[in-house]
Protein backbone atom coordinates (compact mmCIF):
# COMPACT_ATOMS: atom_id res chain seq x y z
CA UNK A 1 13.06 -4.17 17.82
CA UNK A 2 10.76 -6.69 19.42
CA UNK A 3 10.64 -9.95 20.02
CA UNK A 4 7.67 -12.35 18.99
CA UNK A 5 7.35 -15.51 20.55
CA UNK A 6 5.69 -18.68 19.35
CA UNK A 7 5.76 -22.05 18.71
CA UNK A 8 7.97 -21.94 15.49
CA UNK A 9 10.94 -19.89 17.67
CA UNK A 10 11.16 -16.44 18.99
CA UNK A 11 11.80 -13.53 16.50
CA UNK A 12 13.44 -10.11 16.46
CA UNK A 13 10.76 -8.18 14.06
CA UNK A 14 10.99 -4.79 12.60
CA UNK A 15 8.90 -2.38 10.36
CA UNK A 16 10.58 -1.08 7.45
CA UNK A 17 12.05 1.44 7.26
CA UNK A 18 13.87 0.46 10.26
CA UNK A 19 13.73 3.27 13.00
CA UNK A 20 14.76 2.39 16.25
CA UNK A 21 12.48 5.29 17.78
CA UNK A 22 9.36 3.87 16.21
CA UNK A 23 7.34 3.06 19.11
CA UNK A 24 4.76 0.95 16.86
CA UNK A 25 6.06 -3.72 16.71
CA UNK A 26 5.69 -5.28 13.83
CA UNK A 27 3.13 -7.36 14.65
CA UNK A 28 -0.49 -7.37 17.20
CA UNK A 29 -2.45 -9.38 18.95
CA UNK A 30 -4.23 -10.87 15.73
CA UNK A 31 -0.77 -12.13 14.73
CA UNK A 32 -0.21 -13.86 17.71
CA UNK A 33 -3.99 -14.91 17.67
CA UNK A 34 -3.43 -16.73 14.24
CA UNK A 35 -0.18 -18.31 14.87
CA UNK A 36 -1.27 -19.90 18.12
CA UNK A 37 -4.47 -21.35 15.98
CA UNK A 38 -2.20 -22.66 14.01
CA UNK A 39 -0.31 -24.33 16.44
CA UNK A 40 -2.88 -26.11 18.10
CA UNK A 41 -2.51 -23.71 21.12
CA UNK A 42 -6.22 -24.59 22.33
CA UNK A 43 -7.15 -27.07 19.81
CA UNK A 44 -6.09 -29.50 16.92
CA UNK A 45 -2.87 -28.01 14.90
CA UNK A 46 -3.36 -27.15 11.29
CA UNK A 47 -1.54 -29.28 8.81
CA UNK A 48 0.64 -27.11 6.80
CA UNK A 49 2.48 -29.68 4.48
CA UNK A 50 0.91 -28.18 1.87
CA UNK A 51 0.81 -24.97 0.06
CA UNK A 52 0.27 -22.20 2.39
CA UNK A 53 -0.34 -18.63 1.25
CA UNK A 54 -0.21 -15.55 3.69
CA UNK A 55 -2.32 -12.58 2.12
CA UNK A 56 -1.57 -9.52 3.59
CA UNK A 57 1.03 -9.49 6.20
CA UNK A 58 2.14 -6.23 7.12
CA UNK A 59 5.37 -6.55 8.29
CA UNK A 60 6.55 -10.47 7.80
CA UNK A 61 5.54 -11.65 11.10
CA UNK A 62 3.62 -14.25 10.24
CA UNK A 63 5.66 -15.50 7.12
CA UNK A 64 8.73 -15.41 9.03
CA UNK A 65 7.12 -17.53 12.24
CA UNK A 66 5.96 -20.04 9.16
CA UNK A 67 9.76 -20.14 7.06
CA UNK A 68 9.79 -23.20 8.00
CA UNK A 69 6.87 -24.52 5.82
CA UNK A 70 7.60 -22.25 2.70
CA UNK A 71 4.90 -19.83 2.46
CA UNK A 72 3.65 -17.98 -0.14
CA UNK A 73 3.41 -14.30 0.72
CA UNK A 74 0.97 -11.85 -1.36
CA UNK A 75 1.05 -8.28 -0.50
CA UNK A 76 0.18 -4.73 -2.06
CA UNK A 77 2.83 -3.00 0.21
CA UNK A 78 6.49 -2.78 -1.30
CA UNK A 79 7.56 -1.75 2.38
CA UNK A 80 6.08 -5.01 3.92
CA UNK A 81 7.98 -6.68 1.70
CA UNK A 82 11.00 -5.26 2.53
CA UNK A 83 9.98 -5.75 5.97
CA UNK A 84 9.30 -9.43 5.52
CA UNK A 85 12.87 -9.70 3.68
CA UNK A 86 14.86 -8.16 6.54
CA UNK A 87 13.11 -10.42 9.50
CA UNK A 88 13.92 -13.47 7.31
CA UNK A 89 17.15 -12.82 7.28
CA UNK A 90 17.45 -11.76 10.69
CA UNK A 91 15.90 -15.14 11.92
CA UNK A 92 18.25 -16.93 9.79
CA UNK A 93 16.11 -18.37 7.50
CA UNK A 94 16.69 -16.08 4.74
CA UNK A 95 14.59 -14.39 2.25
CA UNK A 96 14.79 -17.77 0.19
CA UNK A 97 12.69 -19.42 2.87
CA UNK A 98 9.14 -17.75 1.30
CA UNK A 99 8.07 -17.14 -2.20
CA UNK A 100 7.14 -13.34 -2.62
CA UNK A 101 4.71 -12.01 -4.93
CA UNK A 102 2.95 -8.70 -5.55
CA UNK A 103 -1.24 -8.83 -5.64
CA UNK A 104 -0.49 -7.88 -9.33
CA UNK A 105 1.20 -11.39 -9.51
CA UNK A 106 -0.35 -14.69 -10.62
CA UNK A 107 -1.22 -16.49 -7.50
CA UNK A 108 -0.71 -20.52 -6.69
CA UNK A 109 -2.92 -22.90 -8.54
CA UNK A 110 -3.38 -24.91 -5.47
CA UNK A 111 -3.74 -23.56 -2.07
CA UNK A 112 -3.81 -25.89 1.03
CA UNK A 113 -3.63 -23.54 3.91
CA UNK A 114 -4.67 -19.52 2.97
CA UNK A 115 -3.69 -17.28 5.86
CA UNK A 116 -5.40 -13.81 5.68
CA UNK A 117 -4.63 -10.61 7.04
CA UNK A 118 -8.17 -8.24 6.90
CA UNK A 119 -6.62 -5.35 5.20
CA UNK A 120 -8.04 -2.04 5.88
CA UNK A 121 -9.36 -2.05 2.22
CA UNK A 122 -12.69 -3.62 2.22
CA UNK A 123 -12.37 -3.43 -1.92
CA UNK A 124 -8.78 -5.29 -1.67
CA UNK A 125 -10.02 -8.11 0.27
CA UNK A 126 -12.62 -8.50 -2.20
CA UNK A 127 -10.36 -8.35 -4.89
CA UNK A 128 -7.86 -11.01 -3.54
CA UNK A 129 -10.70 -13.38 -2.75
CA UNK A 130 -11.60 -13.21 -6.24
CA UNK A 131 -8.07 -13.98 -7.65
CA UNK A 132 -7.33 -16.88 -4.78
CA UNK A 133 -10.80 -18.75 -4.87
CA UNK A 134 -10.46 -20.71 -7.76
CA UNK A 135 -7.18 -22.25 -5.80
CA UNK A 136 -9.01 -23.18 -3.38
CA UNK A 137 -10.34 -26.77 -2.39
CA UNK A 138 -12.81 -28.29 -0.13
CA UNK A 139 -9.32 -29.31 2.09
CA UNK A 140 -8.16 -25.91 2.41
CA UNK A 141 -7.75 -24.68 5.47
CA UNK A 142 -8.83 -20.73 5.21
CA UNK A 143 -8.18 -18.70 8.18
CA UNK A 144 -8.36 -14.62 8.53
CA UNK A 145 -7.30 -12.78 11.64
CA UNK A 146 -7.63 -9.11 12.44
CA UNK A 147 -8.47 -6.70 15.38
CA UNK A 148 -12.17 -6.53 16.32
CA UNK A 149 -12.25 -3.29 14.97
CA UNK A 150 -11.23 -4.19 12.09
CA UNK A 151 -13.86 -7.18 11.44
CA UNK A 152 -17.32 -6.03 10.56
CA UNK A 153 -20.42 -7.95 9.04
CA UNK A 154 -19.06 -7.17 5.55
CA UNK A 155 -15.96 -8.12 6.07
CA UNK A 156 -17.68 -11.59 6.70
CA UNK A 157 -20.14 -11.43 4.29
CA UNK A 158 -17.13 -11.24 1.45
CA UNK A 159 -15.61 -14.25 2.70
CA UNK A 160 -19.35 -15.90 2.85
CA UNK A 161 -19.95 -15.02 -0.79
CA UNK A 162 -16.70 -15.60 -2.33
CA UNK A 163 -15.12 -18.55 -0.18
CA UNK A 164 -17.91 -20.27 1.82
CA UNK A 165 -19.49 -20.66 4.65
CA UNK A 166 -17.83 -18.45 7.44
CA UNK A 167 -17.93 -18.17 11.21
CA UNK A 168 -15.88 -16.41 13.74
CA UNK A 169 -13.84 -17.04 16.98
CA UNK A 170 -14.15 -15.48 20.07
CA UNK A 171 -12.09 -12.43 21.05
CA UNK A 172 -8.98 -12.75 22.56
CA UNK A 173 -7.12 -9.44 22.99
CA UNK A 174 -9.31 -7.61 21.01
CA UNK A 175 -8.57 -9.97 17.91
CA UNK A 176 -10.70 -12.54 16.05
CA UNK A 177 -10.53 -14.84 13.49
CA UNK A 178 -12.17 -15.51 10.78
CA UNK A 179 -12.77 -19.61 9.53
CA UNK A 180 -14.21 -20.49 6.17
CA UNK A 181 -14.97 -23.89 4.79
CA UNK A 182 -14.64 -23.56 0.57
CA UNK A 183 -17.54 -24.20 -1.19
CA UNK A 184 -16.26 -25.52 -4.65
CA UNK A 185 -19.68 -24.63 -6.19
CA UNK A 186 -20.14 -21.33 -5.03
CA UNK A 187 -20.69 -19.26 -7.71
CA UNK A 188 -19.33 -15.13 -6.25
CA UNK A 189 -19.92 -13.55 -9.77
CA UNK A 190 -17.01 -11.83 -11.46
CA UNK A 191 -14.85 -9.31 -9.52
CA UNK A 192 -15.95 -5.32 -10.00
CA UNK A 193 -12.15 -4.40 -10.30
CA UNK A 194 -10.79 -2.67 -11.73
CA UNK A 195 -13.35 0.16 -11.58
CA UNK A 196 -13.07 3.10 -13.85
CA UNK A 197 -14.82 6.56 -13.52
CA UNK A 198 -14.80 9.78 -15.33
CA UNK A 199 -13.06 12.96 -13.48
CA UNK A 200 -14.97 15.77 -12.69
CA UNK A 201 -14.47 19.07 -14.59
CA UNK A 202 -13.06 21.97 -13.73
CA UNK A 203 -9.82 20.42 -12.95
CA UNK A 204 -7.55 21.67 -15.40
CA UNK A 205 -6.29 19.30 -18.28
CA UNK A 206 -7.44 16.24 -17.00
CA UNK A 207 -10.97 17.26 -16.37
CA UNK A 208 -13.44 14.41 -18.08
CA UNK A 209 -10.89 11.72 -18.31
CA UNK A 210 -11.44 8.05 -17.28
CA UNK A 211 -9.08 6.99 -14.72
CA UNK A 212 -8.26 3.27 -13.88
CA UNK A 213 -8.67 2.33 -10.13
CA UNK A 214 -7.24 -1.17 -8.82
CA UNK A 215 -9.10 -2.27 -5.50
CA UNK A 216 -6.98 -1.09 -2.42
CA UNK A 217 -6.17 2.61 -3.69
CA UNK A 218 -6.93 5.47 -1.79
CA UNK A 219 -11.09 6.95 -2.54
CA UNK A 220 -11.11 3.96 -5.54
CA UNK A 221 -14.54 4.94 -6.36
CA UNK A 222 -14.00 9.26 -6.72
CA UNK A 223 -11.66 11.87 -6.61
CA UNK A 224 -10.39 12.86 -3.30
CA UNK A 225 -11.38 16.27 -2.21
CA UNK A 226 -7.45 16.71 -1.55
CA UNK A 227 -6.14 16.07 -4.78
CA UNK A 228 -8.82 18.01 -6.29
CA UNK A 229 -7.37 21.18 -4.29
CA UNK A 230 -3.90 19.90 -5.90
CA UNK A 231 -4.59 19.73 -9.23
CA UNK A 232 -6.38 23.02 -8.41
CA UNK A 233 -3.15 24.54 -7.57
CA UNK A 234 -0.56 23.04 -9.78
CA UNK A 235 2.77 24.92 -10.98
CA UNK A 236 2.14 26.17 -14.66
CA UNK A 237 5.61 25.05 -16.49
CA UNK A 238 7.16 24.37 -19.68
CA UNK A 239 10.38 23.08 -21.26
CA UNK A 240 11.88 19.88 -20.39
CA UNK A 241 12.12 18.73 -17.08
CA UNK A 242 12.10 15.44 -14.48
CA UNK A 243 8.42 14.98 -12.58
CA UNK A 244 7.47 13.09 -9.82
CA UNK A 245 3.93 11.90 -8.61
CA UNK A 246 5.17 10.58 -5.49
CA UNK A 247 2.77 8.53 -3.81
CA UNK A 248 0.80 8.48 -7.00
CA UNK A 249 -2.33 6.93 -6.31
CA UNK A 250 -4.18 6.09 -9.67
CA UNK A 251 -1.89 8.75 -11.10
CA UNK A 252 -4.18 11.72 -11.84
CA UNK A 253 -1.89 14.43 -10.58
CA UNK A 254 1.24 13.47 -12.39
CA UNK A 255 -0.94 12.61 -15.30
CA UNK A 256 -1.96 16.77 -15.17
CA UNK A 257 1.55 17.66 -15.08
CA UNK A 258 2.37 15.88 -18.19
CA UNK A 259 -0.99 16.98 -19.81
CA UNK A 260 0.05 20.00 -19.01
CA UNK A 261 3.46 20.01 -20.23
CA UNK A 262 4.55 17.89 -22.69
CA UNK A 263 8.06 17.97 -22.66
CA UNK A 264 8.08 16.73 -19.07
CA UNK A 265 9.41 13.26 -18.10
CA UNK A 266 7.19 11.43 -15.63
CA UNK A 267 8.21 9.16 -12.58
CA UNK A 268 5.04 7.59 -10.68
CA UNK A 269 6.08 6.06 -7.89
CA UNK A 270 3.99 4.62 -4.75
CA UNK A 271 4.30 1.88 -2.36
CA UNK A 272 0.98 0.19 -3.30
CA UNK A 273 1.59 -2.40 -6.20
CA UNK A 274 -2.00 -2.10 -7.13
CA UNK A 275 -1.62 1.82 -7.14
CA UNK A 276 1.25 1.78 -9.74
CA UNK A 277 -0.84 -0.15 -11.89
CA UNK A 278 -3.34 1.73 -11.77
CA UNK A 279 -1.52 4.83 -12.34
CA UNK A 280 0.29 3.13 -15.73
CA UNK A 281 -3.25 2.49 -17.02
CA UNK A 282 -4.39 5.77 -16.50
CA UNK A 283 -1.03 7.30 -17.83
CA UNK A 284 -0.88 4.84 -20.95
CA UNK A 285 -4.24 5.53 -22.11
CA UNK A 286 -4.44 9.29 -22.04
CA UNK A 287 -0.67 10.50 -22.37
CA UNK A 288 1.78 7.86 -23.77
CA UNK A 289 0.16 4.89 -25.27
CA UNK A 290 3.69 3.81 -27.01
CA UNK A 291 6.03 4.85 -23.83
CA UNK A 292 8.52 6.59 -22.93
CA UNK A 293 7.53 9.79 -20.78
CA UNK A 294 7.04 7.67 -18.02
CA UNK A 295 8.10 5.42 -15.73
CA UNK A 296 6.24 3.46 -12.91
CA UNK A 297 7.82 2.24 -9.73
CA UNK A 298 6.41 0.59 -6.40
CA UNK A 299 9.09 1.32 -4.03
CA UNK A 300 10.03 2.98 -0.94
CA UNK A 301 9.19 7.11 -2.05
CA UNK A 302 12.24 8.52 -3.86
CA UNK A 303 14.87 6.21 -2.11
CA UNK A 304 15.94 4.42 -5.15
CA UNK A 305 15.87 8.05 -7.77
CA UNK A 306 19.46 9.47 -8.15
CA UNK A 307 20.15 12.93 -6.02
CA UNK A 308 19.54 15.97 -7.31
CA UNK A 309 18.11 15.12 -10.72
CA UNK A 310 14.54 16.19 -9.99
CA UNK A 311 12.89 19.27 -10.82
CA UNK A 312 9.29 19.04 -9.44
CA UNK A 313 7.77 16.68 -6.71
CA UNK A 314 4.28 16.60 -6.46
CA UNK A 315 2.72 15.04 -3.19
CA UNK A 316 -0.41 14.11 -1.36
CA UNK A 317 1.05 12.37 1.50
CA UNK A 318 -0.81 9.96 3.69
CA UNK A 319 -1.28 10.57 7.24
CA UNK A 320 -1.89 6.60 8.27
CA UNK A 321 0.27 3.82 8.52
CA UNK A 322 -2.27 0.73 8.69
CA UNK A 323 -4.30 1.96 11.48
CA UNK A 324 -1.91 4.21 13.49
CA UNK A 325 -2.06 7.89 12.56
CA UNK A 326 1.33 9.08 11.55
CA UNK A 327 3.36 11.87 9.90
CA UNK A 328 6.42 9.86 9.69
CA UNK A 329 5.64 9.09 5.96
CA UNK A 330 5.24 12.45 5.00
CA UNK A 331 8.21 13.35 7.04
CA UNK A 332 10.16 10.49 5.10
CA UNK A 333 8.74 12.08 1.57
CA UNK A 334 9.47 15.61 2.48
CA UNK A 335 13.62 14.43 3.71
CA UNK A 336 13.75 12.13 0.13
CA UNK A 337 12.09 14.85 -1.81
CA UNK A 338 14.73 17.38 -0.75
CA UNK A 339 17.23 15.14 -1.62
CA UNK A 340 16.20 13.87 -5.18
CA UNK A 341 15.15 17.59 -6.07
CA UNK A 342 17.99 19.79 -8.02
CA UNK A 343 18.65 23.10 -6.64
CA UNK A 344 15.87 25.21 -7.16
CA UNK A 345 13.83 22.53 -7.61
CA UNK A 346 10.49 22.20 -6.07
CA UNK A 347 8.16 20.27 -4.00
CA UNK A 348 4.48 20.95 -4.05
CA UNK A 349 2.44 19.38 -1.54
CA UNK A 350 -1.39 19.30 -0.18
CA UNK A 351 -2.51 18.52 3.39
CA UNK A 352 -4.87 18.70 5.75
CA UNK A 353 -4.22 21.91 7.20
CA UNK A 354 -4.38 20.92 11.22
CA UNK A 355 -1.27 18.13 10.16
CA UNK A 356 1.02 21.63 10.47
CA UNK A 357 3.31 20.12 7.24
CA UNK A 358 4.92 24.38 6.86
CA UNK A 359 6.45 23.39 10.01
CA UNK A 360 7.87 20.24 9.38
CA UNK A 361 8.92 21.75 5.36
CA UNK A 362 10.39 24.75 7.13
CA UNK A 363 12.64 22.50 9.09
CA UNK A 364 13.87 20.47 6.26
CA UNK A 365 14.11 22.61 3.70
CA UNK A 366 14.75 26.31 5.05
CA UNK A 367 11.25 27.37 3.52
CA UNK A 368 7.90 26.87 2.75
CA UNK A 369 5.10 29.06 0.91
CA UNK A 370 1.71 28.70 1.19
CA UNK A 371 0.33 28.32 -2.56
CA UNK A 372 -3.56 27.97 -1.51
CA UNK A 373 -5.63 27.13 1.55
CA UNK A 374 -8.97 26.56 2.44
CA UNK A 375 -11.01 25.50 5.92
CA UNK A 376 -9.75 22.17 5.12
CA UNK A 377 -6.19 22.13 2.74
CA UNK A 378 -3.65 23.75 2.11
CA UNK A 379 -1.11 23.60 -0.62
CA UNK A 380 2.18 24.65 0.16
CA UNK A 381 5.56 24.85 -1.78
CA UNK A 382 9.21 24.13 -0.69
CA UNK A 383 12.04 24.74 -2.98
CA UNK A 384 15.61 23.37 -2.77
CA UNK A 385 18.10 26.00 -2.32
CA UNK A 386 21.85 25.74 -3.91
CA UNK A 387 23.41 25.45 0.17
CA UNK A 388 20.69 23.03 1.13
């Protein structure tokens, strides 16, 4: 836990899930720069008396600091929401101090201050600016923030095209601000999201099917090569069983499992609301238009899945947390899978060969088998034994 000192007070902040050994802070120089700007440290303070909307606040640092102004937080991250709730509670403000929305919820009709933490995904930024632009007015203060390496010409062009005239601040501690003046006469045209495309052939039961991809999901414009390799090496199973597509993205892996085994019930789970929405639309289109064969959860992996209730977990874990490279998410997913699997149940994972997941899986499950490999990827299988 680390303490962020601002003009509104000092706050002990953590990421979610909380891990005392995690060296990564719940804020960075970009969050600090934005808060100093709002407080008027180097000029006039920003009027925060109207509707304040905070978009993409990664772990709730901005929302917690501004809790006294009743901000509306909009995020694509379930984990980010949970971190915000915990940080608001720890600060004494309580979770009721901020209105929490996901990127799938309807935004406020009027926004007087729009604060945007620039996301890793340019597509997600584009989609959110399109959704929020109708609520802006000429007096709205629009301030974006990010590290210098996160703000590119294309980032500024999006603000310019969708919001209005845009400029940037000087860099401070490798962070920068984006300042836009809303132009009500500006017509950015329709949002290009969601994006739909047809899957290639040769990948099993999902070959040639059309998938839906909402903005911000990994490889939204094509099938990523890791998922393609996993699709080519899925287990062939029959009979009633509970399957989980863990970190589902657009849901093509879980869809393949459902089409291959019509008696399977599939749970799609991801921490991204955009991903879960993509998976649900894709699945309903091809496998279960009436509902009943699947459920769709935005959450912390398998944390809410009952122990020993699952027969098969399929997983293509991320190895980034925002811009930090880490295997912490994969390890957490593997531990959750072990707890959720019935004795004899299987976790099947695809990962970059260099990540060494086989070592981690052996530590957690006591076993790991190589299903398939190529120069870049491996597909691994671990089983939960009765004594595990």
